[in-house]
Amino acid sequence: PQIIPKRTTRLENFDNAILSLYAKGMTVRDIQDTLKDLYH
């Protein structure tokens, strides 16, 4: 499959969300908390 390749457990736009938060200067803990609040 192409939309979710084998052994992949994340969608590409989810990775982009992590990179966007990291680029904004968030720490790992901040990113964890934000993803928990926004995306459960």
PDB file of all heavy atoms in Angstrom:
ATOM      1  N   PRO A   1       0.824  -1.222   0.000  1.00  0.00           N
ATOM      2  CA  PRO A   1       0.000   0.000   0.000  1.00  0.00           C
ATOM      3  C   PRO A   1       0.851   1.262   0.000  1.00  0.00           C
ATOM      4  O   PRO A   1       1.944   1.279   0.581  1.00  0.00           O
ATOM      5  CB  PRO A   1      -0.818  -0.119   1.290  1.00  0.00           C
ATOM      6  CG  PRO A   1      -0.019  -1.039   2.162  1.00  0.00           C
ATOM      7  CD  PRO A   1       0.662  -2.001   1.232  1.00  0.00           C
ATOM      8  N   GLN A   2       0.342   2.306  -0.649  1.00  0.00           N
ATOM      9  CA  GLN A   2       1.074   3.572  -0.742  1.00  0.00           C
ATOM     10  C   GLN A   2       0.618   4.585   0.293  1.00  0.00           C
ATOM     11  O   GLN A   2       1.422   5.340   0.825  1.00  0.00           O
ATOM     12  CB  GLN A   2       0.900   4.173  -2.148  1.00  0.00           C
ATOM     13  CG  GLN A   2       1.431   3.287  -3.258  1.00  0.00           C
ATOM     14  CD  GLN A   2       2.914   3.009  -3.100  1.00  0.00           C
ATOM     15  OE1 GLN A   2       3.720   3.931  -2.982  1.00  0.00           O
ATOM     16  NE2 GLN A   2       3.282   1.732  -3.104  1.00  0.00           N
ATOM     17  N   ILE A   3      -0.683   4.607   0.598  1.00  0.00           N
ATOM     18  CA  ILE A   3      -1.172   5.612   1.540  1.00  0.00           C
ATOM     19  C   ILE A   3      -0.591   5.380   2.937  1.00  0.00           C
ATOM     20  O   ILE A   3      -0.225   6.309   3.636  1.00  0.00           O
ATOM     21  CB  ILE A   3      -2.716   5.635   1.595  1.00  0.00           C
ATOM     22  CG1 ILE A   3      -3.173   6.717   2.578  1.00  0.00           C
ATOM     23  CG2 ILE A   3      -3.305   4.284   1.939  1.00  0.00           C
ATOM     24  CD1 ILE A   3      -4.668   6.925   2.607  1.00  0.00           C
ATOM     25  N   ILE A   4      -0.491   4.116   3.330  1.00  0.00           N
ATOM     26  CA  ILE A   4       0.160   3.764   4.600  1.00  0.00           C
ATOM     27  C   ILE A   4       1.053   2.556   4.320  1.00  0.00           C
ATOM     28  O   ILE A   4       0.596   1.407   4.390  1.00  0.00           O
ATOM     29  CB  ILE A   4      -0.861   3.427   5.701  1.00  0.00           C
ATOM     30  CG1 ILE A   4      -1.861   4.556   5.878  1.00  0.00           C
ATOM     31  CG2 ILE A   4      -0.149   3.161   7.030  1.00  0.00           C
ATOM     32  CD1 ILE A   4      -2.943   4.265   6.898  1.00  0.00           C
ATOM     33  N   PRO A   5       2.300   2.775   3.982  1.00  0.00           N
ATOM     34  CA  PRO A   5       3.191   1.658   3.660  1.00  0.00           C
ATOM     35  C   PRO A   5       3.323   0.672   4.817  1.00  0.00           C
ATOM     36  O   PRO A   5       3.059   0.999   5.966  1.00  0.00           O
ATOM     37  CB  PRO A   5       4.531   2.370   3.375  1.00  0.00           C
ATOM     38  CG  PRO A   5       4.146   3.771   3.007  1.00  0.00           C
ATOM     39  CD  PRO A   5       2.939   4.071   3.836  1.00  0.00           C
ATOM     40  N   LYS A   6       3.734  -0.518   4.488  1.00  0.00           N
ATOM     41  CA  LYS A   6       3.960  -1.534   5.516  1.00  0.00           C
ATOM     42  C   LYS A   6       4.981  -1.038   6.546  1.00  0.00           C
ATOM     43  O   LYS A   6       5.922  -0.328   6.214  1.00  0.00           O
ATOM     44  CB  LYS A   6       4.467  -2.832   4.877  1.00  0.00           C
ATOM     45  CG  LYS A   6       3.408  -3.573   4.058  1.00  0.00           C
ATOM     46  CD  LYS A   6       3.988  -4.854   3.466  1.00  0.00           C
ATOM     47  CE  LYS A   6       2.903  -5.609   2.682  1.00  0.00           C
ATOM     48  NZ  LYS A   6       3.447  -6.857   2.070  1.00  0.00           N
ATOM     49  N   ARG A   7       4.742  -1.446   7.778  1.00  0.00           N
ATOM     50  CA  ARG A   7       5.600  -1.073   8.913  1.00  0.00           C
ATOM     51  C   ARG A   7       5.556   0.420   9.221  1.00  0.00           C
ATOM     52  O   ARG A   7       6.366   0.931   9.980  1.00  0.00           O
ATOM     53  CB  ARG A   7       7.061  -1.519   8.684  1.00  0.00           C
ATOM     54  CG  ARG A   7       7.215  -3.032   8.627  1.00  0.00           C
ATOM     55  CD  ARG A   7       8.597  -3.433   8.214  1.00  0.00           C
ATOM     56  NE  ARG A   7       8.874  -3.043   6.840  1.00  0.00           N
ATOM     57  CZ  ARG A   7       8.464  -3.718   5.772  1.00  0.00           C
ATOM     58  NH1 ARG A   7       7.753  -4.820   5.915  1.00  0.00           N
ATOM     59  NH2 ARG A   7       8.743  -3.319   4.564  1.00  0.00           N
ATOM     60  N   THR A   8       4.612   1.138   8.618  1.00  0.00           N
ATOM     61  CA  THR A   8       4.423   2.553   8.927  1.00  0.00           C
ATOM     62  C   THR A   8       3.212   2.701   9.841  1.00  0.00           C
ATOM     63  O   THR A   8       2.162   2.108   9.586  1.00  0.00           O
ATOM     64  CB  THR A   8       4.189   3.369   7.640  1.00  0.00           C
ATOM     65  OG1 THR A   8       5.365   3.309   6.839  1.00  0.00           O
ATOM     66  CG2 THR A   8       3.883   4.822   7.969  1.00  0.00           C
ATOM     67  N   THR A   9       3.359   3.456  10.900  1.00  0.00           N
ATOM     68  CA  THR A   9       2.253   3.633  11.854  1.00  0.00           C
ATOM     69  C   THR A   9       1.841   5.091  11.985  1.00  0.00           C
ATOM     70  O   THR A   9       1.128   5.451  12.911  1.00  0.00           O
ATOM     71  CB  THR A   9       2.644   3.091  13.239  1.00  0.00           C
ATOM     72  OG1 THR A   9       3.813   3.777  13.698  1.00  0.00           O
ATOM     73  CG2 THR A   9       2.905   1.599  13.197  1.00  0.00           C
ATOM     74  N   ARG A  10       2.312   5.932  11.068  1.00  0.00           N
ATOM     75  CA  ARG A  10       1.940   7.344  11.117  1.00  0.00           C
ATOM     76  C   ARG A  10       1.608   7.824   9.725  1.00  0.00           C
ATOM     77  O   ARG A  10       2.241   7.412   8.747  1.00  0.00           O
ATOM     78  CB  ARG A  10       3.102   8.208  11.664  1.00  0.00           C
ATOM     79  CG  ARG A  10       3.623   7.764  12.994  1.00  0.00           C
ATOM     80  CD  ARG A  10       4.682   8.748  13.520  1.00  0.00           C
ATOM     81  NE  ARG A  10       5.745   9.015  12.582  1.00  0.00           N
ATOM     82  CZ  ARG A  10       6.839   8.243  12.482  1.00  0.00           C
ATOM     83  NH1 ARG A  10       6.974   7.175  13.231  1.00  0.00           N
ATOM     84  NH2 ARG A  10       7.776   8.558  11.633  1.00  0.00           N
ATOM     85  N   LEU A  11       0.627   8.699   9.629  1.00  0.00           N
ATOM     86  CA  LEU A  11       0.339   9.349   8.364  1.00  0.00           C
ATOM     87  C   LEU A  11       1.308  10.497   8.156  1.00  0.00           C
ATOM     88  O   LEU A  11       1.765  11.124   9.117  1.00  0.00           O
ATOM     89  CB  LEU A  11      -1.099   9.875   8.344  1.00  0.00           C
ATOM     90  CG  LEU A  11      -2.196   8.809   8.440  1.00  0.00           C
ATOM     91  CD1 LEU A  11      -3.557   9.475   8.352  1.00  0.00           C
ATOM     92  CD2 LEU A  11      -2.043   7.773   7.342  1.00  0.00           C
ATOM     93  N   GLU A  12       1.607  10.814   6.901  1.00  0.00           N
ATOM     94  CA  GLU A  12       2.620  11.834   6.592  1.00  0.00           C
ATOM     95  C   GLU A  12       2.260  13.185   7.193  1.00  0.00           C
ATOM     96  O   GLU A  12       3.123  13.887   7.714  1.00  0.00           O
ATOM     97  CB  GLU A  12       2.778  11.970   5.073  1.00  0.00           C
ATOM     98  CG  GLU A  12       3.854  12.974   4.675  1.00  0.00           C
ATOM     99  CD  GLU A  12       3.995  13.089   3.167  1.00  0.00           C
ATOM    100  OE1 GLU A  12       3.368  12.295   2.453  1.00  0.00           O
ATOM    101  OE2 GLU A  12       4.729  13.984   2.728  1.00  0.00           O
ATOM    102  N   ASN A  13       0.977  13.557   7.164  1.00  0.00           N
ATOM    103  CA  ASN A  13       0.612  14.869   7.692  1.00  0.00           C
ATOM    104  C   ASN A  13       0.795  14.933   9.208  1.00  0.00           C
ATOM    105  O   ASN A  13       0.945  16.007   9.781  1.00  0.00           O
ATOM    106  CB  ASN A  13      -0.818  15.250   7.296  1.00  0.00           C
ATOM    107  CG  ASN A  13      -1.847  14.248   7.790  1.00  0.00           C
ATOM    108  OD1 ASN A  13      -1.513  13.196   8.309  1.00  0.00           O
ATOM    109  ND2 ASN A  13      -3.114  14.595   7.607  1.00  0.00           N
ATOM    110  N   PHE A  14       0.799  13.765   9.863  1.00  0.00           N
ATOM    111  CA  PHE A  14       1.075  13.744  11.302  1.00  0.00           C
ATOM    112  C   PHE A  14       2.548  14.079  11.547  1.00  0.00           C
ATOM    113  O   PHE A  14       2.885  14.833  12.452  1.00  0.00           O
ATOM    114  CB  PHE A  14       0.734  12.365  11.868  1.00  0.00           C
ATOM    115  CG  PHE A  14       0.840  12.286  13.369  1.00  0.00           C
ATOM    116  CD1 PHE A  14      -0.132  12.860  14.167  1.00  0.00           C
ATOM    117  CD2 PHE A  14       1.915  11.665  13.966  1.00  0.00           C
ATOM    118  CE1 PHE A  14      -0.036  12.797  15.544  1.00  0.00           C
ATOM    119  CE2 PHE A  14       2.017  11.590  15.340  1.00  0.00           C
ATOM    120  CZ  PHE A  14       1.040  12.163  16.136  1.00  0.00           C
ATOM    121  N   ASP A  15       3.422  13.517  10.724  1.00  0.00           N
ATOM    122  CA  ASP A  15       4.847  13.864  10.818  1.00  0.00           C
ATOM    123  C   ASP A  15       5.051  15.348  10.567  1.00  0.00           C
ATOM    124  O   ASP A  15       5.850  16.005  11.236  1.00  0.00           O
ATOM    125  CB  ASP A  15       5.661  13.063   9.796  1.00  0.00           C
ATOM    126  CG  ASP A  15       5.829  11.609  10.206  1.00  0.00           C
ATOM    127  OD1 ASP A  15       5.217  11.218  11.221  1.00  0.00           O
ATOM    128  OD2 ASP A  15       6.550  10.885   9.512  1.00  0.00           O
ATOM    129  N   ASN A  16       4.313  15.892   9.593  1.00  0.00           N
ATOM    130  CA  ASN A  16       4.432  17.323   9.294  1.00  0.00           C
ATOM    131  C   ASN A  16       4.000  18.171  10.475  1.00  0.00           C
ATOM    132  O   ASN A  16       4.551  19.252  10.708  1.00  0.00           O
ATOM    133  CB  ASN A  16       3.592  17.674   8.059  1.00  0.00           C
ATOM    134  CG  ASN A  16       4.182  17.094   6.786  1.00  0.00           C
ATOM    135  OD1 ASN A  16       5.364  16.779   6.738  1.00  0.00           O
ATOM    136  ND2 ASN A  16       3.367  16.937   5.766  1.00  0.00           N
ATOM    137  N   ALA A  17       2.992  17.693  11.211  1.00  0.00           N
ATOM    138  CA  ALA A  17       2.551  18.431  12.399  1.00  0.00           C
ATOM    139  C   ALA A  17       3.660  18.480  13.439  1.00  0.00           C
ATOM    140  O   ALA A  17       3.914  19.518  14.062  1.00  0.00           O
ATOM    141  CB  ALA A  17       1.298  17.770  12.987  1.00  0.00           C
ATOM    142  N   ILE A  18       4.353  17.352  13.634  1.00  0.00           N
ATOM    143  CA  ILE A  18       5.467  17.309  14.588  1.00  0.00           C
ATOM    144  C   ILE A  18       6.574  18.259  14.150  1.00  0.00           C
ATOM    145  O   ILE A  18       7.112  19.042  14.954  1.00  0.00           O
ATOM    146  CB  ILE A  18       6.021  15.870  14.718  1.00  0.00           C
ATOM    147  CG1 ILE A  18       4.979  14.969  15.397  1.00  0.00           C
ATOM    148  CG2 ILE A  18       7.332  15.849  15.497  1.00  0.00           C
ATOM    149  CD1 ILE A  18       5.393  13.517  15.505  1.00  0.00           C
ATOM    150  N   LEU A  19       6.925  18.236  12.865  1.00  0.00           N
ATOM    151  CA  LEU A  19       7.985  19.107  12.360  1.00  0.00           C
ATOM    152  C   LEU A  19       7.605  20.571  12.492  1.00  0.00           C
ATOM    153  O   LEU A  19       8.450  21.416  12.813  1.00  0.00           O
ATOM    154  CB  LEU A  19       8.291  18.770  10.896  1.00  0.00           C
ATOM    155  CG  LEU A  19       8.997  17.443  10.649  1.00  0.00           C
ATOM    156  CD1 LEU A  19       9.105  17.170   9.161  1.00  0.00           C
ATOM    157  CD2 LEU A  19      10.378  17.424  11.290  1.00  0.00           C
ATOM    158  N   SER A  20       6.340  20.881  12.251  1.00  0.00           N
ATOM    159  CA  SER A  20       5.885  22.265  12.363  1.00  0.00           C
ATOM    160  C   SER A  20       6.015  22.761  13.798  1.00  0.00           C
ATOM    161  O   SER A  20       6.484  23.879  14.039  1.00  0.00           O
ATOM    162  CB  SER A  20       4.433  22.372  11.895  1.00  0.00           C
ATOM    163  OG  SER A  20       3.948  23.678  12.053  1.00  0.00           O
ATOM    164  N   LEU A  21       5.614  21.937  14.755  1.00  0.00           N
ATOM    165  CA  LEU A  21       5.724  22.324  16.164  1.00  0.00           C
ATOM    166  C   LEU A  21       7.179  22.458  16.574  1.00  0.00           C
ATOM    167  O   LEU A  21       7.550  23.376  17.311  1.00  0.00           O
ATOM    168  CB  LEU A  21       5.013  21.283  17.042  1.00  0.00           C
ATOM    169  CG  LEU A  21       3.492  21.176  16.866  1.00  0.00           C
ATOM    170  CD1 LEU A  21       2.951  20.002  17.666  1.00  0.00           C
ATOM    171  CD2 LEU A  21       2.805  22.467  17.285  1.00  0.00           C
ATOM    172  N   TYR A  22       8.021  21.561  16.086  1.00  0.00           N
ATOM    173  CA  TYR A  22       9.452  21.615  16.411  1.00  0.00           C
ATOM    174  C   TYR A  22      10.077  22.875  15.826  1.00  0.00           C
ATOM    175  O   TYR A  22      10.903  23.539  16.459  1.00  0.00           O
ATOM    176  CB  TYR A  22      10.151  20.374  15.868  1.00  0.00           C
ATOM    177  CG  TYR A  22      11.565  20.181  16.369  1.00  0.00           C
ATOM    178  CD1 TYR A  22      11.814  19.584  17.596  1.00  0.00           C
ATOM    179  CD2 TYR A  22      12.658  20.600  15.604  1.00  0.00           C
ATOM    180  CE1 TYR A  22      13.103  19.399  18.059  1.00  0.00           C
ATOM    181  CE2 TYR A  22      13.956  20.426  16.063  1.00  0.00           C
ATOM    182  CZ  TYR A  22      14.168  19.821  17.288  1.00  0.00           C
ATOM    183  OH  TYR A  22      15.450  19.652  17.737  1.00  0.00           O
ATOM    184  N   ALA A  23       9.663  23.224  14.596  1.00  0.00           N
ATOM    185  CA  ALA A  23      10.196  24.427  13.940  1.00  0.00           C
ATOM    186  C   ALA A  23       9.799  25.687  14.659  1.00  0.00           C
ATOM    187  O   ALA A  23      10.481  26.715  14.562  1.00  0.00           O
ATOM    188  CB  ALA A  23       9.716  24.479  12.485  1.00  0.00           C
ATOM    189  N   LYS A  24       8.692  25.634  15.398  1.00  0.00           N
ATOM    190  CA  LYS A  24       8.241  26.807  16.150  1.00  0.00           C
ATOM    191  C   LYS A  24       8.934  26.932  17.498  1.00  0.00           C
ATOM    192  O   LYS A  24       8.598  27.811  18.295  1.00  0.00           O
ATOM    193  CB  LYS A  24       6.723  26.751  16.340  1.00  0.00           C
ATOM    194  CG  LYS A  24       5.962  26.937  15.037  1.00  0.00           C
ATOM    195  CD  LYS A  24       4.458  26.830  15.239  1.00  0.00           C
ATOM    196  CE  LYS A  24       3.727  27.026  13.907  1.00  0.00           C
ATOM    197  NZ  LYS A  24       2.265  26.883  14.052  1.00  0.00           N
ATOM    198  N   GLY A  25       9.905  26.050  17.751  1.00  0.00           N
ATOM    199  CA  GLY A  25      10.711  26.167  18.963  1.00  0.00           C
ATOM    200  C   GLY A  25      10.188  25.382  20.146  1.00  0.00           C
ATOM    201  O   GLY A  25      10.681  25.549  21.263  1.00  0.00           O
ATOM    202  N   MET A  26       9.196  24.522  19.927  1.00  0.00           N
ATOM    203  CA  MET A  26       8.653  23.753  21.039  1.00  0.00           C
ATOM    204  C   MET A  26       9.623  22.657  21.478  1.00  0.00           C
ATOM    205  O   MET A  26      10.312  22.054  20.649  1.00  0.00           O
ATOM    206  CB  MET A  26       7.314  23.115  20.648  1.00  0.00           C
ATOM    207  CG  MET A  26       6.151  24.086  20.606  1.00  0.00           C
ATOM    208  SD  MET A  26       4.586  23.184  20.502  1.00  0.00           S
ATOM    209  CE  MET A  26       3.423  24.537  20.589  1.00  0.00           C
ATOM    210  N   THR A  27       9.661  22.399  22.767  1.00  0.00           N
ATOM    211  CA  THR A  27      10.453  21.297  23.283  1.00  0.00           C
ATOM    212  C   THR A  27       9.700  19.994  23.036  1.00  0.00           C
ATOM    213  O   THR A  27       8.521  19.990  22.675  1.00  0.00           O
ATOM    214  CB  THR A  27      10.698  21.453  24.789  1.00  0.00           C
ATOM    215  OG1 THR A  27       9.428  21.399  25.472  1.00  0.00           O
ATOM    216  CG2 THR A  27      11.374  22.778  25.099  1.00  0.00           C
ATOM    217  N   VAL A  28      10.395  18.871  23.256  1.00  0.00           N
ATOM    218  CA  VAL A  28       9.753  17.564  23.079  1.00  0.00           C
ATOM    219  C   VAL A  28       8.541  17.438  23.994  1.00  0.00           C
ATOM    220  O   VAL A  28       7.480  16.951  23.587  1.00  0.00           O
ATOM    221  CB  VAL A  28      10.764  16.436  23.355  1.00  0.00           C
ATOM    222  CG1 VAL A  28      10.064  15.079  23.402  1.00  0.00           C
ATOM    223  CG2 VAL A  28      11.851  16.427  22.286  1.00  0.00           C
ATOM    224  N   ARG A  29       8.677  17.874  25.246  1.00  0.00           N
ATOM    225  CA  ARG A  29       7.556  17.802  26.178  1.00  0.00           C
ATOM    226  C   ARG A  29       6.380  18.666  25.700  1.00  0.00           C
ATOM    227  O   ARG A  29       5.218  18.261  25.801  1.00  0.00           O
ATOM    228  CB  ARG A  29       8.016  18.247  27.571  1.00  0.00           C
ATOM    229  CG  ARG A  29       6.908  18.305  28.623  1.00  0.00           C
ATOM    230  CD  ARG A  29       6.257  16.933  28.814  1.00  0.00           C
ATOM    231  NE  ARG A  29       7.185  15.956  29.296  1.00  0.00           N
ATOM    232  CZ  ARG A  29       7.498  15.770  30.590  1.00  0.00           C
ATOM    233  NH1 ARG A  29       6.922  16.530  31.514  1.00  0.00           N
ATOM    234  NH2 ARG A  29       8.340  14.835  30.945  1.00  0.00           N
ATOM    235  N   ASP A  30       6.682  19.861  25.188  1.00  0.00           N
ATOM    236  CA  ASP A  30       5.628  20.737  24.661  1.00  0.00           C
ATOM    237  C   ASP A  30       4.886  20.067  23.506  1.00  0.00           C
ATOM    238  O   ASP A  30       3.660  20.136  23.406  1.00  0.00           O
ATOM    239  CB  ASP A  30       6.211  22.066  24.175  1.00  0.00           C
ATOM    240  CG  ASP A  30       6.724  22.932  25.313  1.00  0.00           C
ATOM    241  OD1 ASP A  30       6.244  22.749  26.449  1.00  0.00           O
ATOM    242  OD2 ASP A  30       7.589  23.786  25.060  1.00  0.00           O
ATOM    243  N   ILE A  31       5.657  19.409  22.626  1.00  0.00           N
ATOM    244  CA  ILE A  31       5.051  18.740  21.472  1.00  0.00           C
ATOM    245  C   ILE A  31       4.156  17.593  21.939  1.00  0.00           C
ATOM    246  O   ILE A  31       3.047  17.407  21.433  1.00  0.00           O
ATOM    247  CB  ILE A  31       6.145  18.232  20.505  1.00  0.00           C
ATOM    248  CG1 ILE A  31       6.893  19.420  19.888  1.00  0.00           C
ATOM    249  CG2 ILE A  31       5.527  17.368  19.404  1.00  0.00           C
ATOM    250  CD1 ILE A  31       8.086  19.020  19.045  1.00  0.00           C
ATOM    251  N   GLN A  32       4.648  16.824  22.909  1.00  0.00           N
ATOM    252  CA  GLN A  32       3.844  15.735  23.460  1.00  0.00           C
ATOM    253  C   GLN A  32       2.507  16.250  23.992  1.00  0.00           C
ATOM    254  O   GLN A  32       1.446  15.699  23.696  1.00  0.00           O
ATOM    255  CB  GLN A  32       4.603  15.047  24.593  1.00  0.00           C
ATOM    256  CG  GLN A  32       5.739  14.134  24.150  1.00  0.00           C
ATOM    257  CD  GLN A  32       6.428  13.507  25.350  1.00  0.00           C
ATOM    258  OE1 GLN A  32       7.136  14.177  26.097  1.00  0.00           O
ATOM    259  NE2 GLN A  32       6.198  12.224  25.547  1.00  0.00           N
ATOM    260  N   ASP A  33       2.575  17.308  24.786  1.00  0.00           N
ATOM    261  CA  ASP A  33       1.363  17.861  25.398  1.00  0.00           C
ATOM    262  C   ASP A  33       0.408  18.409  24.345  1.00  0.00           C
ATOM    263  O   ASP A  33      -0.814  18.233  24.432  1.00  0.00           O
ATOM    264  CB  ASP A  33       1.731  18.962  26.395  1.00  0.00           C
ATOM    265  CG  ASP A  33       2.470  18.425  27.616  1.00  0.00           C
ATOM    266  OD1 ASP A  33       2.405  17.204  27.854  1.00  0.00           O
ATOM    267  OD2 ASP A  33       3.121  19.228  28.309  1.00  0.00           O
ATOM    268  N   THR A  34       0.959  19.092  23.338  1.00  0.00           N
ATOM    269  CA  THR A  34       0.124  19.683  22.291  1.00  0.00           C
ATOM    270  C   THR A  34      -0.594  18.610  21.481  1.00  0.00           C
ATOM    271  O   THR A  34      -1.795  18.716  21.213  1.00  0.00           O
ATOM    272  CB  THR A  34       0.979  20.562  21.355  1.00  0.00           C
ATOM    273  OG1 THR A  34       1.589  21.602  22.119  1.00  0.00           O
ATOM    274  CG2 THR A  34       0.121  21.184  20.258  1.00  0.00           C
ATOM    275  N   LEU A  35       0.135  17.573  21.084  1.00  0.00           N
ATOM    276  CA  LEU A  35      -0.482  16.498  20.312  1.00  0.00           C
ATOM    277  C   LEU A  35      -1.531  15.755  21.131  1.00  0.00           C
ATOM    278  O   LEU A  35      -2.554  15.307  20.608  1.00  0.00           O
ATOM    279  CB  LEU A  35       0.597  15.521  19.819  1.00  0.00           C
ATOM    280  CG  LEU A  35       1.586  16.093  18.800  1.00  0.00           C
ATOM    281  CD1 LEU A  35       2.652  15.060  18.457  1.00  0.00           C
ATOM    282  CD2 LEU A  35       0.876  16.559  17.544  1.00  0.00           C
ATOM    283  N   LYS A  36      -1.274  15.643  22.420  1.00  0.00           N
ATOM    284  CA  LYS A  36      -2.248  14.995  23.302  1.00  0.00           C
ATOM    285  C   LYS A  36      -3.526  15.826  23.377  1.00  0.00           C
ATOM    286  O   LYS A  36      -4.641  15.298  23.280  1.00  0.00           O
ATOM    287  CB  LYS A  36      -1.653  14.830  24.698  1.00  0.00           C
ATOM    288  CG  LYS A  36      -2.591  14.205  25.730  1.00  0.00           C
ATOM    289  CD  LYS A  36      -2.871  12.756  25.422  1.00  0.00           C
ATOM    290  CE  LYS A  36      -3.684  12.105  26.527  1.00  0.00           C
ATOM    291  NZ  LYS A  36      -4.032  10.709  26.219  1.00  0.00           N
ATOM    292  N   ASP A  37      -3.371  17.141  23.529  1.00  0.00           N
ATOM    293  CA  ASP A  37      -4.537  18.026  23.639  1.00  0.00           C
ATOM    294  C   ASP A  37      -5.327  18.110  22.341  1.00  0.00           C
ATOM    295  O   ASP A  37      -6.565  18.087  22.346  1.00  0.00           O
ATOM    296  CB  ASP A  37      -4.098  19.438  24.060  1.00  0.00           C
ATOM    297  CG  ASP A  37      -3.564  19.486  25.483  1.00  0.00           C
ATOM    298  OD1 ASP A  37      -3.860  18.547  26.251  1.00  0.00           O
ATOM    299  OD2 ASP A  37      -2.843  20.450  25.811  1.00  0.00           O
ATOM    300  N   LEU A  38      -4.594  18.217  21.218  1.00  0.00           N
ATOM    301  CA  LEU A  38      -5.262  18.437  19.938  1.00  0.00           C
ATOM    302  C   LEU A  38      -5.786  17.159  19.299  1.00  0.00           C
ATOM    303  O   LEU A  38      -6.878  17.133  18.733  1.00  0.00           O
ATOM    304  CB  LEU A  38      -4.307  19.134  18.959  1.00  0.00           C
ATOM    305  CG  LEU A  38      -3.905  20.576  19.291  1.00  0.00           C
ATOM    306  CD1 LEU A  38      -2.916  21.087  18.248  1.00  0.00           C
ATOM    307  CD2 LEU A  38      -5.121  21.487  19.333  1.00  0.00           C
ATOM    308  N   TYR A  39      -4.970  16.081  19.385  1.00  0.00           N
ATOM    309  CA  TYR A  39      -5.276  14.887  18.605  1.00  0.00           C
ATOM    310  C   TYR A  39      -5.545  13.635  19.447  1.00  0.00           C
ATOM    311  O   TYR A  39      -5.741  12.559  18.892  1.00  0.00           O
ATOM    312  CB  TYR A  39      -4.129  14.600  17.623  1.00  0.00           C
ATOM    313  CG  TYR A  39      -3.763  15.772  16.759  1.00  0.00           C
ATOM    314  CD1 TYR A  39      -2.432  16.172  16.615  1.00  0.00           C
ATOM    315  CD2 TYR A  39      -4.739  16.488  16.079  1.00  0.00           C
ATOM    316  CE1 TYR A  39      -2.093  17.257  15.824  1.00  0.00           C
ATOM    317  CE2 TYR A  39      -4.404  17.577  15.275  1.00  0.00           C
ATOM    318  CZ  TYR A  39      -3.087  17.951  15.157  1.00  0.00           C
ATOM    319  OH  TYR A  39      -2.758  19.019  14.369  1.00  0.00           O
ATOM    320  N   HIS A  40      -5.484  13.781  20.800  1.00  0.00           N
ATOM    321  CA  HIS A  40      -5.758  12.657  21.688  1.00  0.00           C
ATOM    322  C   HIS A  40      -4.796  11.491  21.415  1.00  0.00           C
ATOM    323  O   HIS A  40      -5.195  10.323  21.418  1.00  0.00           O
ATOM    324  CB  HIS A  40      -7.209  12.182  21.536  1.00  0.00           C
ATOM    325  CG  HIS A  40      -8.207  13.298  21.506  1.00  0.00           C
ATOM    326  ND1 HIS A  40      -8.523  14.037  22.623  1.00  0.00           N
ATOM    327  CD2 HIS A  40      -8.941  13.823  20.489  1.00  0.00           C
ATOM    328  CE1 HIS A  40      -9.419  14.951  22.302  1.00  0.00           C
ATOM    329  NE2 HIS A  40      -9.684  14.853  21.018  1.00  0.00           N
TER     330      HIS A  40
END
